[in-house]
């Protein structure tokens, strides 16, 4: 008779333990769901902006000069010197269209996006070679720049991304 009471009490404790485990699991799943939803609007990091500028400068344009297609970095220099591509198109026109396409495809600006706007500029000394802005400027932004020297000129490529 005594053994039945012990088994019954042990069964009650096991059921109580299982109920507690199930409740804790449900609470953890709800918390995990909230954490995943709140991270959907991630902010932009500095290294992402730096990487974008570096990759963009190495992008091969459709401007051919000296039997090779120019990178955006070389195209910036050619635009600054007023050169043309082999097909007769002005290097500045190719630079403008290439940079616009790259920036617009790399930084999606809209209300649902983490990116609310950007400001991009290429300069050689005090001379602006290319400038593009889109969206809204906010007080929160990440920015980067990269400079390089060619043909006794220093070029600066800068990008600020507002979120």
C-alpha atoms as a PDB file:
ATOM      1  CA  UNK A   1       0.000   0.000   0.000  1.00  0.00           C
ATOM      2  CA  UNK A   2       2.772   2.308   0.815  1.00  0.00           C
ATOM      3  CA  UNK A   3       4.487   1.779  -2.530  1.00  0.00           C
ATOM      4  CA  UNK A   4       1.451   2.958  -4.490  1.00  0.00           C
ATOM      5  CA  UNK A   5       1.588   6.327  -2.700  1.00  0.00           C
ATOM      6  CA  UNK A   6       5.270   6.708  -3.536  1.00  0.00           C
ATOM      7  CA  UNK A   7       4.683   5.957  -7.237  1.00  0.00           C
ATOM      8  CA  UNK A   8       1.721   8.303  -7.371  1.00  0.00           C
ATOM      9  CA  UNK A   9       3.729  11.087  -5.745  1.00  0.00           C
ATOM     10  CA  UNK A  10       6.634  10.472  -8.167  1.00  0.00           C
ATOM     11  CA  UNK A  11       4.269  10.659 -11.130  1.00  0.00           C
ATOM     12  CA  UNK A  12       2.860  13.971  -9.898  1.00  0.00           C
ATOM     13  CA  UNK A  13       6.371  15.408  -9.565  1.00  0.00           C
ATOM     14  CA  UNK A  14       7.274  14.288 -13.112  1.00  0.00           C
ATOM     15  CA  UNK A  15       4.129  15.903 -14.534  1.00  0.00           C
ATOM     16  CA  UNK A  16       4.907  19.128 -12.659  1.00  0.00           C
ATOM     17  CA  UNK A  17       8.498  19.110 -13.971  1.00  0.00           C
ATOM     18  CA  UNK A  18       7.295  18.607 -17.569  1.00  0.00           C
ATOM     19  CA  UNK A  19       4.803  21.483 -17.215  1.00  0.00           C
ATOM     20  CA  UNK A  20       7.582  23.781 -15.992  1.00  0.00           C
ATOM     21  CA  UNK A  21       9.887  22.773 -18.879  1.00  0.00           C
ATOM     22  CA  UNK A  22       7.119  23.400 -21.441  1.00  0.00           C
ATOM     23  CA  UNK A  23       6.322  26.840 -19.964  1.00  0.00           C
ATOM     24  CA  UNK A  24       9.991  27.897 -19.955  1.00  0.00           C
ATOM     25  CA  UNK A  25      10.364  26.713 -23.581  1.00  0.00           C
ATOM     26  CA  UNK A  26       7.346  28.757 -24.691  1.00  0.00           C
ATOM     27  CA  UNK A  27       8.658  31.875 -22.944  1.00  0.00           C
ATOM     28  CA  UNK A  28      12.077  31.447 -24.599  1.00  0.00           C
ATOM     29  CA  UNK A  29      10.468  31.049 -28.038  1.00  0.00           C
ATOM     30  CA  UNK A  30       8.429  34.233 -27.557  1.00  0.00           C
ATOM     31  CA  UNK A  31      11.531  36.183 -26.479  1.00  0.00           C
ATOM     32  CA  UNK A  32      13.497  34.828 -29.433  1.00  0.00           C
ATOM     33  CA  UNK A  33      10.703  35.906 -31.782  1.00  0.00           C
ATOM     34  CA  UNK A  34      10.802  39.467 -30.424  1.00  0.00           C
ATOM     35  CA  UNK A  35      14.581  39.604 -30.765  1.00  0.00           C
ATOM     36  CA  UNK A  36      14.477  38.468 -34.388  1.00  0.00           C
ATOM     37  CA  UNK A  37      11.766  40.971 -35.317  1.00  0.00           C
ATOM     38  CA  UNK A  38      13.595  43.931 -33.775  1.00  0.00           C
ATOM     39  CA  UNK A  39      16.816  43.232 -35.704  1.00  0.00           C
ATOM     40  CA  UNK A  40      15.153  43.567 -39.132  1.00  0.00           C
ATOM     41  CA  UNK A  41      16.160  47.246 -39.475  1.00  0.00           C
ATOM     42  CA  UNK A  42      19.895  46.909 -39.029  1.00  0.00           C
ATOM     43  CA  UNK A  43      22.095  49.947 -39.114  1.00  0.00           C
ATOM     44  CA  UNK A  44      24.907  50.426 -41.571  1.00  0.00           C
ATOM     45  CA  UNK A  45      28.431  49.858 -40.274  1.00  0.00           C
ATOM     46  CA  UNK A  46      31.575  51.816 -41.168  1.00  0.00           C
ATOM     47  CA  UNK A  47      33.291  48.770 -42.632  1.00  0.00           C
ATOM     48  CA  UNK A  48      30.387  48.277 -45.058  1.00  0.00           C
ATOM     49  CA  UNK A  49      30.816  51.810 -46.396  1.00  0.00           C
ATOM     50  CA  UNK A  50      34.600  51.379 -46.663  1.00  0.00           C
ATOM     51  CA  UNK A  51      34.207  48.051 -48.448  1.00  0.00           C
ATOM     52  CA  UNK A  52      31.701  49.526 -50.876  1.00  0.00           C
ATOM     53  CA  UNK A  53      34.083  52.340 -51.836  1.00  0.00           C
ATOM     54  CA  UNK A  54      36.981  49.913 -52.278  1.00  0.00           C
ATOM     55  CA  UNK A  55      34.958  47.525 -54.423  1.00  0.00           C
ATOM     56  CA  UNK A  56      33.468  50.362 -56.452  1.00  0.00           C
ATOM     57  CA  UNK A  57      36.910  51.772 -57.315  1.00  0.00           C
ATOM     58  CA  UNK A  58      37.963  48.349 -58.643  1.00  0.00           C
ATOM     59  CA  UNK A  59      34.789  47.871 -60.725  1.00  0.00           C
ATOM     60  CA  UNK A  60      35.511  47.616 -64.449  1.00  0.00           C
ATOM     61  CA  UNK A  61      33.651  50.180 -66.523  1.00  0.00           C
ATOM     62  CA  UNK A  62      32.682  49.915 -70.191  1.00  0.00           C
ATOM     63  CA  UNK A  63      35.184  52.641 -71.158  1.00  0.00           C
ATOM     64  CA  UNK A  64      38.028  51.199 -73.175  1.00  0.00           C
ATOM     65  CA  UNK A  65      41.382  52.981 -73.366  1.00  0.00           C
ATOM     66  CA  UNK A  66      44.706  51.578 -74.567  1.00  0.00           C
ATOM     67  CA  UNK A  67      43.029  48.248 -75.427  1.00  0.00           C
ATOM     68  CA  UNK A  68      41.783  47.596 -71.883  1.00  0.00           C
ATOM     69  CA  UNK A  69      38.647  48.487 -69.994  1.00  0.00           C
ATOM     70  CA  UNK A  70      39.231  51.057 -67.269  1.00  0.00           C
ATOM     71  CA  UNK A  71      38.402  50.582 -63.613  1.00  0.00           C
ATOM     72  CA  UNK A  72      36.338  53.295 -61.952  1.00  0.00           C
ATOM     73  CA  UNK A  73      39.503  54.535 -60.256  1.00  0.00           C
ATOM     74  CA  UNK A  74      41.252  54.957 -63.619  1.00  0.00           C
ATOM     75  CA  UNK A  75      38.085  56.429 -65.097  1.00  0.00           C
ATOM     76  CA  UNK A  76      38.089  59.135 -62.407  1.00  0.00           C
ATOM     77  CA  UNK A  77      41.614  60.121 -63.465  1.00  0.00           C
ATOM     78  CA  UNK A  78      40.679  60.096 -67.159  1.00  0.00           C
ATOM     79  CA  UNK A  79      37.616  62.253 -66.462  1.00  0.00           C
ATOM     80  CA  UNK A  80      39.734  64.732 -64.516  1.00  0.00           C
ATOM     81  CA  UNK A  81      42.183  65.030 -67.427  1.00  0.00           C
ATOM     82  CA  UNK A  82      39.352  65.360 -69.963  1.00  0.00           C
ATOM     83  CA  UNK A  83      40.105  62.188 -71.930  1.00  0.00           C
ATOM     84  CA  UNK A  84      37.676  60.147 -74.007  1.00  0.00           C
ATOM     85  CA  UNK A  85      37.141  56.420 -74.395  1.00  0.00           C
ATOM     86  CA  UNK A  86      38.235  54.602 -77.551  1.00  0.00           C
ATOM     87  CA  UNK A  87      34.651  54.602 -78.835  1.00  0.00           C
ATOM     88  CA  UNK A  88      34.603  58.431 -78.639  1.00  0.00           C
ATOM     89  CA  UNK A  89      32.357  58.693 -75.581  1.00  0.00           C
ATOM     90  CA  UNK A  90      33.565  61.167 -72.977  1.00  0.00           C
ATOM     91  CA  UNK A  91      35.096  59.515 -69.923  1.00  0.00           C
ATOM     92  CA  UNK A  92      33.120  61.838 -67.603  1.00  0.00           C
ATOM     93  CA  UNK A  93      29.820  60.680 -69.131  1.00  0.00           C
ATOM     94  CA  UNK A  94      30.764  57.037 -68.618  1.00  0.00           C
ATOM     95  CA  UNK A  95      31.935  57.818 -65.070  1.00  0.00           C
ATOM     96  CA  UNK A  96      28.648  59.544 -64.216  1.00  0.00           C
ATOM     97  CA  UNK A  97      26.457  56.722 -65.493  1.00  0.00           C
ATOM     98  CA  UNK A  98      28.638  54.009 -63.939  1.00  0.00           C
ATOM     99  CA  UNK A  99      28.753  55.660 -60.500  1.00  0.00           C
ATOM    100  CA  UNK A 100      25.018  56.371 -60.492  1.00  0.00           C
ATOM    101  CA  UNK A 101      24.237  52.741 -61.314  1.00  0.00           C
ATOM    102  CA  UNK A 102      26.653  51.370 -58.699  1.00  0.00           C
ATOM    103  CA  UNK A 103      25.501  53.650 -55.900  1.00  0.00           C
ATOM    104  CA  UNK A 104      21.789  53.220 -56.574  1.00  0.00           C
ATOM    105  CA  UNK A 105      22.117  49.443 -56.696  1.00  0.00           C
ATOM    106  CA  UNK A 106      24.348  49.336 -53.600  1.00  0.00           C
ATOM    107  CA  UNK A 107      22.319  51.610 -51.318  1.00  0.00           C
ATOM    108  CA  UNK A 108      18.556  51.116 -51.487  1.00  0.00           C
ATOM    109  CA  UNK A 109      16.929  54.278 -50.138  1.00  0.00           C
ATOM    110  CA  UNK A 110      13.301  54.010 -48.995  1.00  0.00           C
ATOM    111  CA  UNK A 111      11.142  54.168 -45.867  1.00  0.00           C
ATOM    112  CA  UNK A 112      11.325  50.411 -45.204  1.00  0.00           C
ATOM    113  CA  UNK A 113      15.104  50.284 -45.641  1.00  0.00           C
ATOM    114  CA  UNK A 114      17.705  50.970 -42.968  1.00  0.00           C
ATOM    115  CA  UNK A 115      19.251  53.483 -45.387  1.00  0.00           C
ATOM    116  CA  UNK A 116      17.388  56.804 -45.399  1.00  0.00           C
ATOM    117  CA  UNK A 117      19.820  58.670 -47.651  1.00  0.00           C
ATOM    118  CA  UNK A 118      23.389  59.056 -48.847  1.00  0.00           C
ATOM    119  CA  UNK A 119      25.861  61.658 -49.994  1.00  0.00           C
ATOM    120  CA  UNK A 120      28.651  60.662 -52.388  1.00  0.00           C
ATOM    121  CA  UNK A 121      31.443  62.827 -53.736  1.00  0.00           C
ATOM    122  CA  UNK A 122      34.635  62.494 -55.772  1.00  0.00           C
ATOM    123  CA  UNK A 123      37.115  65.366 -55.604  1.00  0.00           C
ATOM    124  CA  UNK A 124      40.551  66.180 -56.921  1.00  0.00           C
ATOM    125  CA  UNK A 125      42.020  68.842 -54.662  1.00  0.00           C
ATOM    126  CA  UNK A 126      39.364  71.568 -54.493  1.00  0.00           C
ATOM    127  CA  UNK A 127      37.673  70.443 -57.724  1.00  0.00           C
ATOM    128  CA  UNK A 128      34.518  68.341 -57.517  1.00  0.00           C
ATOM    129  CA  UNK A 129      34.504  65.655 -60.223  1.00  0.00           C
ATOM    130  CA  UNK A 130      31.263  63.885 -59.277  1.00  0.00           C
ATOM    131  CA  UNK A 131      28.597  64.382 -56.630  1.00  0.00           C
ATOM    132  CA  UNK A 132      25.380  62.481 -55.932  1.00  0.00           C
ATOM    133  CA  UNK A 133      22.866  62.756 -53.102  1.00  0.00           C
ATOM    134  CA  UNK A 134      19.618  60.917 -52.488  1.00  0.00           C
ATOM    135  CA  UNK A 135      17.098  60.576 -49.690  1.00  0.00           C
ATOM    136  CA  UNK A 136      17.151  62.456 -46.423  1.00  0.00           C
ATOM    137  CA  UNK A 137      20.121  63.529 -44.351  1.00  0.00           C
ATOM    138  CA  UNK A 138      19.703  62.499 -40.718  1.00  0.00           C
ATOM    139  CA  UNK A 139      21.838  62.982 -37.643  1.00  0.00           C
ATOM    140  CA  UNK A 140      22.729  59.267 -37.641  1.00  0.00           C
ATOM    141  CA  UNK A 141      25.176  58.301 -40.350  1.00  0.00           C
ATOM    142  CA  UNK A 142      28.239  56.224 -41.121  1.00  0.00           C
ATOM    143  CA  UNK A 143      30.840  57.482 -43.497  1.00  0.00           C
ATOM    144  CA  UNK A 144      34.142  56.620 -45.063  1.00  0.00           C
ATOM    145  CA  UNK A 145      36.540  57.940 -47.650  1.00  0.00           C
ATOM    146  CA  UNK A 146      39.379  56.603 -49.707  1.00  0.00           C
ATOM    147  CA  UNK A 147      42.070  58.648 -51.338  1.00  0.00           C
ATOM    148  CA  UNK A 148      44.559  57.779 -54.044  1.00  0.00           C
ATOM    149  CA  UNK A 149      47.192  59.632 -56.044  1.00  0.00           C
ATOM    150  CA  UNK A 150      47.814  59.420 -59.773  1.00  0.00           C
ATOM    151  CA  UNK A 151      49.468  61.737 -62.254  1.00  0.00           C
ATOM    152  CA  UNK A 152      50.485  64.195 -59.509  1.00  0.00           C
ATOM    153  CA  UNK A 153      46.892  64.661 -58.293  1.00  0.00           C
ATOM    154  CA  UNK A 154      45.236  63.370 -55.142  1.00  0.00           C
ATOM    155  CA  UNK A 155      41.684  62.107 -55.475  1.00  0.00           C
ATOM    156  CA  UNK A 156      39.258  61.628 -52.588  1.00  0.00           C
ATOM    157  CA  UNK A 157      36.170  59.439 -52.812  1.00  0.00           C
ATOM    158  CA  UNK A 158      33.785  59.912 -49.854  1.00  0.00           C
ATOM    159  CA  UNK A 159      30.444  58.389 -48.955  1.00  0.00           C
ATOM    160  CA  UNK A 160      28.111  59.157 -46.049  1.00  0.00           C
ATOM    161  CA  UNK A 161      25.162  56.816 -45.521  1.00  0.00           C
ATOM    162  CA  UNK A 162      22.302  58.138 -43.386  1.00  0.00           C
ATOM    163  CA  UNK A 163      20.063  55.792 -41.397  1.00  0.00           C
END
